[in-house]
């Protein structure tokens, strides 16, 4: 590991320890100095400020801090909810981040449209954030990124040696799977303000699996860039049919219940 990466890891560990030890203070700092930028952040901001007890579920959280879309809201507005990450290395950081915060629960599990056991595919040669953030139930998504040359470029940037054989770049682990509707019933009794999803190409499957006739979910935010166009359109049509308004950025979609 080169000096730049060592410093990067030390800075991350320091941030995690400070947030864990001072969540209220960090939240107040965000309240004073941080302003939402994207249209999605601005809409979540409006809803969050209007609700005293904001409850959320985040699926595919990774370490919960680097480039995280909702951490500032969690700390600033004292959200209550559950953050889920299946991969062991980033989950360890996530768990440390909220160890002292009783309002935020962390779970290491897979969430899917059916219960059981499924493989999670991840890059075998690095536990850095850039690499763990690409883990997915879809092996094809990782294979596509390898074929594009994206993985090789990122590994070079972050100083991660690549195995000589490309077939060894992807590893898999089998994990217990929690069905998404069952999870929401257990953790939230079927009612919450936000579901935040980032599962590298599996997002639309989870959104389509939501029992929206029964659940009370005010907002659903998910990543769109790895979802095939036709599958994405079908997912968005379903959300519209259930009375959701849609906001889009280049990367994500926010569905808001009218």
C-alpha atoms as a PDB file:
ATOM      1  CA  UNK A   1       0.000   0.000   0.000  1.00  0.00           C
ATOM      2  CA  UNK A   2       1.458   3.385  -1.035  1.00  0.00           C
ATOM      3  CA  UNK A   3       1.642   6.441   1.213  1.00  0.00           C
ATOM      4  CA  UNK A   4      -1.424   8.084  -0.319  1.00  0.00           C
ATOM      5  CA  UNK A   5      -3.580   5.029   0.415  1.00  0.00           C
ATOM      6  CA  UNK A   6      -2.200   4.739   3.959  1.00  0.00           C
ATOM      7  CA  UNK A   7      -3.144   8.362   4.627  1.00  0.00           C
ATOM      8  CA  UNK A   8      -6.557   7.797   3.056  1.00  0.00           C
ATOM      9  CA  UNK A   9      -7.224   4.828   5.348  1.00  0.00           C
ATOM     10  CA  UNK A  10      -6.061   6.759   8.444  1.00  0.00           C
ATOM     11  CA  UNK A  11      -8.324   9.698   7.592  1.00  0.00           C
ATOM     12  CA  UNK A  12     -11.287   7.364   7.126  1.00  0.00           C
ATOM     13  CA  UNK A  13     -10.671   5.600  10.444  1.00  0.00           C
ATOM     14  CA  UNK A  14     -10.419   8.971  12.197  1.00  0.00           C
ATOM     15  CA  UNK A  15     -13.701  10.187  10.671  1.00  0.00           C
ATOM     16  CA  UNK A  16     -15.497   6.980  11.632  1.00  0.00           C
ATOM     17  CA  UNK A  17     -14.257   7.166  15.218  1.00  0.00           C
ATOM     18  CA  UNK A  18     -15.181  10.849  15.532  1.00  0.00           C
ATOM     19  CA  UNK A  19     -18.709  10.409  14.147  1.00  0.00           C
ATOM     20  CA  UNK A  20     -19.293   7.384  16.374  1.00  0.00           C
ATOM     21  CA  UNK A  21     -18.147   9.306  19.423  1.00  0.00           C
ATOM     22  CA  UNK A  22     -19.903  12.581  18.584  1.00  0.00           C
ATOM     23  CA  UNK A  23     -22.991  11.945  16.419  1.00  0.00           C
ATOM     24  CA  UNK A  24     -24.993  14.836  17.903  1.00  0.00           C
ATOM     25  CA  UNK A  25     -22.131  17.305  17.437  1.00  0.00           C
ATOM     26  CA  UNK A  26     -21.522  16.218  13.836  1.00  0.00           C
ATOM     27  CA  UNK A  27     -25.256  16.485  13.182  1.00  0.00           C
ATOM     28  CA  UNK A  28     -25.320  20.057  14.482  1.00  0.00           C
ATOM     29  CA  UNK A  29     -22.354  20.971  12.276  1.00  0.00           C
ATOM     30  CA  UNK A  30     -24.162  19.595   9.225  1.00  0.00           C
ATOM     31  CA  UNK A  31     -27.249  21.565  10.261  1.00  0.00           C
ATOM     32  CA  UNK A  32     -25.251  24.790  10.292  1.00  0.00           C
ATOM     33  CA  UNK A  33     -23.010  24.382   7.264  1.00  0.00           C
ATOM     34  CA  UNK A  34     -24.311  21.688   4.900  1.00  0.00           C
ATOM     35  CA  UNK A  35     -26.891  22.441   2.215  1.00  0.00           C
ATOM     36  CA  UNK A  36     -28.518  19.824  -0.080  1.00  0.00           C
ATOM     37  CA  UNK A  37     -27.450  20.177  -3.701  1.00  0.00           C
ATOM     38  CA  UNK A  38     -29.282  17.754  -6.026  1.00  0.00           C
ATOM     39  CA  UNK A  39     -33.029  17.791  -6.656  1.00  0.00           C
ATOM     40  CA  UNK A  40     -33.274  14.476  -4.815  1.00  0.00           C
ATOM     41  CA  UNK A  41     -31.429  15.777  -1.747  1.00  0.00           C
ATOM     42  CA  UNK A  42     -33.588  18.906  -1.736  1.00  0.00           C
ATOM     43  CA  UNK A  43     -36.829  16.898  -1.792  1.00  0.00           C
ATOM     44  CA  UNK A  44     -35.652  14.537   0.951  1.00  0.00           C
ATOM     45  CA  UNK A  45     -34.604  17.625   2.923  1.00  0.00           C
ATOM     46  CA  UNK A  46     -38.113  19.094   2.741  1.00  0.00           C
ATOM     47  CA  UNK A  47     -39.742  15.855   3.863  1.00  0.00           C
ATOM     48  CA  UNK A  48     -37.197  15.231   6.608  1.00  0.00           C
ATOM     49  CA  UNK A  49     -37.603  18.680   8.142  1.00  0.00           C
ATOM     50  CA  UNK A  50     -41.371  18.182   8.296  1.00  0.00           C
ATOM     51  CA  UNK A  51     -41.284  14.889  10.232  1.00  0.00           C
ATOM     52  CA  UNK A  52     -40.276  14.509  13.876  1.00  0.00           C
ATOM     53  CA  UNK A  53     -39.574  10.776  13.740  1.00  0.00           C
ATOM     54  CA  UNK A  54     -38.140   9.953  10.338  1.00  0.00           C
ATOM     55  CA  UNK A  55     -37.641   6.225   9.750  1.00  0.00           C
ATOM     56  CA  UNK A  56     -35.494   4.767   6.979  1.00  0.00           C
ATOM     57  CA  UNK A  57     -34.125   1.550   5.505  1.00  0.00           C
ATOM     58  CA  UNK A  58     -30.867   1.566   3.527  1.00  0.00           C
ATOM     59  CA  UNK A  59     -29.973  -1.495   1.452  1.00  0.00           C
ATOM     60  CA  UNK A  60     -26.449  -1.688   0.028  1.00  0.00           C
ATOM     61  CA  UNK A  61     -24.868   0.792   2.428  1.00  0.00           C
ATOM     62  CA  UNK A  62     -21.220  -0.196   2.005  1.00  0.00           C
ATOM     63  CA  UNK A  63     -19.128   1.547   4.710  1.00  0.00           C
ATOM     64  CA  UNK A  64     -21.869   4.117   5.297  1.00  0.00           C
ATOM     65  CA  UNK A  65     -19.592   7.146   5.067  1.00  0.00           C
ATOM     66  CA  UNK A  66     -17.685   7.555   1.767  1.00  0.00           C
ATOM     67  CA  UNK A  67     -19.976   9.115  -0.870  1.00  0.00           C
ATOM     68  CA  UNK A  68     -22.990   8.070   1.201  1.00  0.00           C
ATOM     69  CA  UNK A  69     -26.233   9.742   0.023  1.00  0.00           C
ATOM     70  CA  UNK A  70     -28.042   9.949   3.382  1.00  0.00           C
ATOM     71  CA  UNK A  71     -25.492   9.984   6.222  1.00  0.00           C
ATOM     72  CA  UNK A  72     -25.734  13.760   6.631  1.00  0.00           C
ATOM     73  CA  UNK A  73     -29.528  13.488   6.976  1.00  0.00           C
ATOM     74  CA  UNK A  74     -29.214  10.642   9.488  1.00  0.00           C
ATOM     75  CA  UNK A  75     -26.948  12.711  11.723  1.00  0.00           C
ATOM     76  CA  UNK A  76     -28.481  16.151  11.184  1.00  0.00           C
ATOM     77  CA  UNK A  77     -32.115  15.132  11.643  1.00  0.00           C
ATOM     78  CA  UNK A  78     -31.587  12.238  14.066  1.00  0.00           C
ATOM     79  CA  UNK A  79     -33.156   9.633  11.796  1.00  0.00           C
ATOM     80  CA  UNK A  80     -34.065   6.194  13.095  1.00  0.00           C
ATOM     81  CA  UNK A  81     -33.608   3.120  10.956  1.00  0.00           C
ATOM     82  CA  UNK A  82     -31.613   0.201   9.630  1.00  0.00           C
ATOM     83  CA  UNK A  83     -28.510   0.205   7.420  1.00  0.00           C
ATOM     84  CA  UNK A  84     -27.666  -3.051   5.635  1.00  0.00           C
ATOM     85  CA  UNK A  85     -24.417  -4.190   4.053  1.00  0.00           C
ATOM     86  CA  UNK A  86     -23.666  -7.842   3.191  1.00  0.00           C
ATOM     87  CA  UNK A  87     -19.916  -7.667   2.475  1.00  0.00           C
ATOM     88  CA  UNK A  88     -17.821  -8.247   5.653  1.00  0.00           C
ATOM     89  CA  UNK A  89     -15.099  -5.583   5.177  1.00  0.00           C
ATOM     90  CA  UNK A  90     -17.315  -2.520   4.617  1.00  0.00           C
ATOM     91  CA  UNK A  91     -19.822  -3.776   7.188  1.00  0.00           C
ATOM     92  CA  UNK A  92     -17.082  -3.701   9.817  1.00  0.00           C
ATOM     93  CA  UNK A  93     -16.600   0.027   9.158  1.00  0.00           C
ATOM     94  CA  UNK A  94     -20.354   0.639   9.039  1.00  0.00           C
ATOM     95  CA  UNK A  95     -20.834  -1.066  12.381  1.00  0.00           C
ATOM     96  CA  UNK A  96     -18.082   1.042  13.971  1.00  0.00           C
ATOM     97  CA  UNK A  97     -19.660   4.191  12.544  1.00  0.00           C
ATOM     98  CA  UNK A  98     -22.904   3.705  14.499  1.00  0.00           C
ATOM     99  CA  UNK A  99     -21.757   1.666  17.483  1.00  0.00           C
ATOM    100  CA  UNK A 100     -22.857   4.348  19.959  1.00  0.00           C
ATOM    101  CA  UNK A 101     -26.035   5.414  18.107  1.00  0.00           C
ATOM    102  CA  UNK A 102     -29.014   3.477  19.440  1.00  0.00           C
ATOM    103  CA  UNK A 103     -31.316   4.854  16.753  1.00  0.00           C
ATOM    104  CA  UNK A 104     -29.338   3.303  13.876  1.00  0.00           C
ATOM    105  CA  UNK A 105     -29.253  -0.470  13.540  1.00  0.00           C
ATOM    106  CA  UNK A 106     -26.712  -2.195  11.288  1.00  0.00           C
ATOM    107  CA  UNK A 107     -27.277  -5.617   9.704  1.00  0.00           C
ATOM    108  CA  UNK A 108     -24.930  -7.804   7.678  1.00  0.00           C
ATOM    109  CA  UNK A 109     -27.209  -9.693   5.318  1.00  0.00           C
ATOM    110  CA  UNK A 110     -28.435  -9.858   1.742  1.00  0.00           C
ATOM    111  CA  UNK A 111     -31.850  -8.479   0.850  1.00  0.00           C
ATOM    112  CA  UNK A 112     -33.670  -9.848  -2.188  1.00  0.00           C
ATOM    113  CA  UNK A 113     -37.116 -10.583  -3.599  1.00  0.00           C
ATOM    114  CA  UNK A 114     -37.092 -14.101  -2.115  1.00  0.00           C
ATOM    115  CA  UNK A 115     -35.640 -15.589   1.062  1.00  0.00           C
ATOM    116  CA  UNK A 116     -32.992 -18.312   1.015  1.00  0.00           C
ATOM    117  CA  UNK A 117     -29.295 -18.323   0.115  1.00  0.00           C
ATOM    118  CA  UNK A 118     -27.671 -16.386  -2.748  1.00  0.00           C
ATOM    119  CA  UNK A 119     -24.105 -15.685  -3.918  1.00  0.00           C
ATOM    120  CA  UNK A 120     -22.725 -12.168  -3.609  1.00  0.00           C
ATOM    121  CA  UNK A 121     -20.061 -11.378  -6.211  1.00  0.00           C
ATOM    122  CA  UNK A 122     -17.224  -9.011  -5.353  1.00  0.00           C
ATOM    123  CA  UNK A 123     -13.703  -8.116  -6.466  1.00  0.00           C
ATOM    124  CA  UNK A 124     -11.236 -10.545  -4.930  1.00  0.00           C
ATOM    125  CA  UNK A 125      -8.150  -8.344  -4.741  1.00  0.00           C
ATOM    126  CA  UNK A 126      -9.228  -5.233  -2.805  1.00  0.00           C
ATOM    127  CA  UNK A 127     -11.287  -4.168   0.205  1.00  0.00           C
ATOM    128  CA  UNK A 128     -11.053  -0.470  -0.666  1.00  0.00           C
ATOM    129  CA  UNK A 129     -14.277   1.503  -1.031  1.00  0.00           C
ATOM    130  CA  UNK A 130     -14.038   1.763  -4.824  1.00  0.00           C
ATOM    131  CA  UNK A 131     -13.934  -2.050  -5.074  1.00  0.00           C
ATOM    132  CA  UNK A 132     -16.388  -3.107  -2.361  1.00  0.00           C
ATOM    133  CA  UNK A 133     -18.920  -0.631  -3.728  1.00  0.00           C
ATOM    134  CA  UNK A 134     -19.190  -2.737  -6.880  1.00  0.00           C
ATOM    135  CA  UNK A 135     -20.264  -5.963  -5.144  1.00  0.00           C
ATOM    136  CA  UNK A 136     -23.533  -7.303  -6.512  1.00  0.00           C
ATOM    137  CA  UNK A 137     -25.885 -10.248  -6.777  1.00  0.00           C
ATOM    138  CA  UNK A 138     -25.389  -9.816 -10.525  1.00  0.00           C
ATOM    139  CA  UNK A 139     -22.088 -11.350 -11.654  1.00  0.00           C
ATOM    140  CA  UNK A 140     -22.739 -10.009 -15.151  1.00  0.00           C
ATOM    141  CA  UNK A 141     -22.504  -6.451 -13.866  1.00  0.00           C
ATOM    142  CA  UNK A 142     -18.943  -7.005 -12.614  1.00  0.00           C
ATOM    143  CA  UNK A 143     -17.989  -8.858 -15.793  1.00  0.00           C
ATOM    144  CA  UNK A 144     -19.233  -5.926 -17.863  1.00  0.00           C
ATOM    145  CA  UNK A 145     -17.093  -3.480 -15.865  1.00  0.00           C
ATOM    146  CA  UNK A 146     -14.057  -5.716 -16.362  1.00  0.00           C
ATOM    147  CA  UNK A 147     -14.668  -5.921 -20.116  1.00  0.00           C
ATOM    148  CA  UNK A 148     -14.978  -2.117 -20.282  1.00  0.00           C
ATOM    149  CA  UNK A 149     -11.577  -1.714 -18.671  1.00  0.00           C
ATOM    150  CA  UNK A 150     -13.084   0.168 -15.734  1.00  0.00           C
ATOM    151  CA  UNK A 151     -11.791  -2.233 -13.074  1.00  0.00           C
ATOM    152  CA  UNK A 152      -8.230  -2.139 -14.404  1.00  0.00           C
ATOM    153  CA  UNK A 153      -8.187   1.675 -14.425  1.00  0.00           C
ATOM    154  CA  UNK A 154      -9.517   1.945 -10.846  1.00  0.00           C
ATOM    155  CA  UNK A 155      -7.110  -0.686  -9.560  1.00  0.00           C
ATOM    156  CA  UNK A 156      -4.212   1.242 -11.095  1.00  0.00           C
ATOM    157  CA  UNK A 157      -5.424   4.509  -9.585  1.00  0.00           C
ATOM    158  CA  UNK A 158      -5.683   3.056  -6.076  1.00  0.00           C
ATOM    159  CA  UNK A 159      -2.573   0.893  -6.219  1.00  0.00           C
ATOM    160  CA  UNK A 160      -4.280  -2.503  -6.124  1.00  0.00           C
ATOM    161  CA  UNK A 161      -2.300  -5.305  -7.851  1.00  0.00           C
ATOM    162  CA  UNK A 162      -4.449  -7.336 -10.230  1.00  0.00           C
ATOM    163  CA  UNK A 163      -4.317 -11.157 -10.362  1.00  0.00           C
ATOM    164  CA  UNK A 164      -2.711 -12.314 -13.641  1.00  0.00           C
ATOM    165  CA  UNK A 165      -5.820 -14.296 -14.604  1.00  0.00           C
ATOM    166  CA  UNK A 166      -8.965 -12.210 -15.099  1.00  0.00           C
ATOM    167  CA  UNK A 167     -11.052 -15.196 -14.045  1.00  0.00           C
ATOM    168  CA  UNK A 168      -9.630 -14.684 -10.541  1.00  0.00           C
ATOM    169  CA  UNK A 169     -10.716 -11.051 -10.281  1.00  0.00           C
ATOM    170  CA  UNK A 170     -14.222 -11.990  -9.126  1.00  0.00           C
ATOM    171  CA  UNK A 171     -14.908 -13.918  -5.927  1.00  0.00           C
ATOM    172  CA  UNK A 172     -18.195 -14.960  -4.385  1.00  0.00           C
ATOM    173  CA  UNK A 173     -19.602 -15.644  -0.953  1.00  0.00           C
ATOM    174  CA  UNK A 174     -22.906 -17.301  -0.141  1.00  0.00           C
ATOM    175  CA  UNK A 175     -25.119 -15.406   2.275  1.00  0.00           C
ATOM    176  CA  UNK A 176     -28.475 -15.822   3.945  1.00  0.00           C
ATOM    177  CA  UNK A 177     -31.129 -13.700   2.243  1.00  0.00           C
ATOM    178  CA  UNK A 178     -33.929 -11.746   3.879  1.00  0.00           C
ATOM    179  CA  UNK A 179     -37.016 -11.094   1.720  1.00  0.00           C
ATOM    180  CA  UNK A 180     -37.543  -7.340   1.462  1.00  0.00           C
ATOM    181  CA  UNK A 181     -41.211  -7.170   2.493  1.00  0.00           C
ATOM    182  CA  UNK A 182     -40.613  -9.445   5.458  1.00  0.00           C
ATOM    183  CA  UNK A 183     -37.705  -7.244   6.507  1.00  0.00           C
ATOM    184  CA  UNK A 184     -39.851  -4.097   6.390  1.00  0.00           C
ATOM    185  CA  UNK A 185     -42.609  -5.758   8.400  1.00  0.00           C
ATOM    186  CA  UNK A 186     -40.150  -6.934  11.063  1.00  0.00           C
ATOM    187  CA  UNK A 187     -38.134  -3.720  11.346  1.00  0.00           C
ATOM    188  CA  UNK A 188     -40.809  -1.068  10.661  1.00  0.00           C
ATOM    189  CA  UNK A 189     -44.202  -2.781  10.896  1.00  0.00           C
ATOM    190  CA  UNK A 190     -44.717  -1.910   7.231  1.00  0.00           C
ATOM    191  CA  UNK A 191     -44.430   1.885   7.517  1.00  0.00           C
ATOM    192  CA  UNK A 192     -41.441   4.179   6.935  1.00  0.00           C
ATOM    193  CA  UNK A 193     -40.450   7.403   5.221  1.00  0.00           C
ATOM    194  CA  UNK A 194     -37.561   6.287   2.990  1.00  0.00           C
ATOM    195  CA  UNK A 195     -36.107   3.178   1.399  1.00  0.00           C
ATOM    196  CA  UNK A 196     -32.638   3.897  -0.020  1.00  0.00           C
ATOM    197  CA  UNK A 197     -31.297   1.211  -2.392  1.00  0.00           C
ATOM    198  CA  UNK A 198     -27.897   0.813  -4.072  1.00  0.00           C
ATOM    199  CA  UNK A 199     -27.300  -2.779  -5.154  1.00  0.00           C
ATOM    200  CA  UNK A 200     -25.367  -2.441  -8.413  1.00  0.00           C
ATOM    201  CA  UNK A 201     -27.912  -3.597 -10.967  1.00  0.00           C
ATOM    202  CA  UNK A 202     -30.384  -5.338  -8.641  1.00  0.00           C
ATOM    203  CA  UNK A 203     -32.183  -2.160  -7.559  1.00  0.00           C
ATOM    204  CA  UNK A 204     -35.205  -2.483  -9.847  1.00  0.00           C
ATOM    205  CA  UNK A 205     -35.754  -6.089  -8.731  1.00  0.00           C
ATOM    206  CA  UNK A 206     -36.080  -4.942  -5.115  1.00  0.00           C
ATOM    207  CA  UNK A 207     -38.330  -2.024  -6.029  1.00  0.00           C
ATOM    208  CA  UNK A 208     -40.580  -4.290  -8.093  1.00  0.00           C
ATOM    209  CA  UNK A 209     -40.753  -6.753  -5.186  1.00  0.00           C
ATOM    210  CA  UNK A 210     -42.168  -4.148  -2.781  1.00  0.00           C
ATOM    211  CA  UNK A 211     -45.763  -4.909  -1.869  1.00  0.00           C
ATOM    212  CA  UNK A 212     -46.942  -1.345  -2.397  1.00  0.00           C
ATOM    213  CA  UNK A 213     -50.589  -2.293  -1.914  1.00  0.00           C
ATOM    214  CA  UNK A 214     -49.798  -3.100   1.703  1.00  0.00           C
ATOM    215  CA  UNK A 215     -46.696  -1.115   2.656  1.00  0.00           C
ATOM    216  CA  UNK A 216     -46.733   2.558   3.606  1.00  0.00           C
ATOM    217  CA  UNK A 217     -43.531   3.931   2.062  1.00  0.00           C
ATOM    218  CA  UNK A 218     -43.329   7.680   1.491  1.00  0.00           C
ATOM    219  CA  UNK A 219     -40.144   7.734  -0.629  1.00  0.00           C
ATOM    220  CA  UNK A 220     -38.071   5.176  -2.536  1.00  0.00           C
ATOM    221  CA  UNK A 221     -34.638   6.159  -3.846  1.00  0.00           C
ATOM    222  CA  UNK A 222     -32.573   3.842  -6.023  1.00  0.00           C
ATOM    223  CA  UNK A 223     -29.696   3.794  -8.501  1.00  0.00           C
ATOM    224  CA  UNK A 224     -30.651   3.547 -12.167  1.00  0.00           C
ATOM    225  CA  UNK A 225     -27.357   3.458 -14.089  1.00  0.00           C
ATOM    226  CA  UNK A 226     -26.885  -0.330 -14.037  1.00  0.00           C
ATOM    227  CA  UNK A 227     -30.535  -1.168 -14.814  1.00  0.00           C
ATOM    228  CA  UNK A 228     -31.405  -2.143 -18.426  1.00  0.00           C
ATOM    229  CA  UNK A 229     -33.573   0.485 -20.124  1.00  0.00           C
ATOM    230  CA  UNK A 230     -36.664  -1.679 -20.650  1.00  0.00           C
ATOM    231  CA  UNK A 231     -36.531  -3.044 -17.106  1.00  0.00           C
ATOM    232  CA  UNK A 232     -36.169   0.482 -15.732  1.00  0.00           C
ATOM    233  CA  UNK A 233     -39.163   1.765 -17.710  1.00  0.00           C
ATOM    234  CA  UNK A 234     -41.326  -1.102 -16.463  1.00  0.00           C
ATOM    235  CA  UNK A 235     -40.261  -0.373 -12.888  1.00  0.00           C
ATOM    236  CA  UNK A 236     -41.053   3.344 -13.235  1.00  0.00           C
ATOM    237  CA  UNK A 237     -44.441   2.631 -14.797  1.00  0.00           C
ATOM    238  CA  UNK A 238     -45.323   0.448 -11.824  1.00  0.00           C
ATOM    239  CA  UNK A 239     -44.332   3.195  -9.397  1.00  0.00           C
ATOM    240  CA  UNK A 240     -46.435   5.753 -11.278  1.00  0.00           C
ATOM    241  CA  UNK A 241     -49.402   3.384 -11.200  1.00  0.00           C
ATOM    242  CA  UNK A 242     -49.082   3.252  -7.416  1.00  0.00           C
ATOM    243  CA  UNK A 243     -49.235   7.039  -7.213  1.00  0.00           C
ATOM    244  CA  UNK A 244     -45.565   7.949  -6.992  1.00  0.00           C
ATOM    245  CA  UNK A 245     -44.094  11.112  -8.474  1.00  0.00           C
ATOM    246  CA  UNK A 246     -40.607  10.616  -9.951  1.00  0.00           C
ATOM    247  CA  UNK A 247     -37.511  12.810  -9.700  1.00  0.00           C
ATOM    248  CA  UNK A 248     -34.349  11.882 -11.613  1.00  0.00           C
ATOM    249  CA  UNK A 249     -30.661  12.753 -11.614  1.00  0.00           C
ATOM    250  CA  UNK A 250     -27.984  11.266 -13.854  1.00  0.00           C
ATOM    251  CA  UNK A 251     -27.480   8.392 -11.379  1.00  0.00           C
ATOM    252  CA  UNK A 252     -30.611   7.978  -9.271  1.00  0.00           C
ATOM    253  CA  UNK A 253     -34.378   8.084  -9.106  1.00  0.00           C
ATOM    254  CA  UNK A 254     -36.518   9.265  -6.199  1.00  0.00           C
ATOM    255  CA  UNK A 255     -40.141   8.140  -6.079  1.00  0.00           C
ATOM    256  CA  UNK A 256     -42.373  10.228  -3.790  1.00  0.00           C
ATOM    257  CA  UNK A 257     -45.862   9.141  -2.779  1.00  0.00           C
ATOM    258  CA  UNK A 258     -48.388  11.785  -3.766  1.00  0.00           C
END
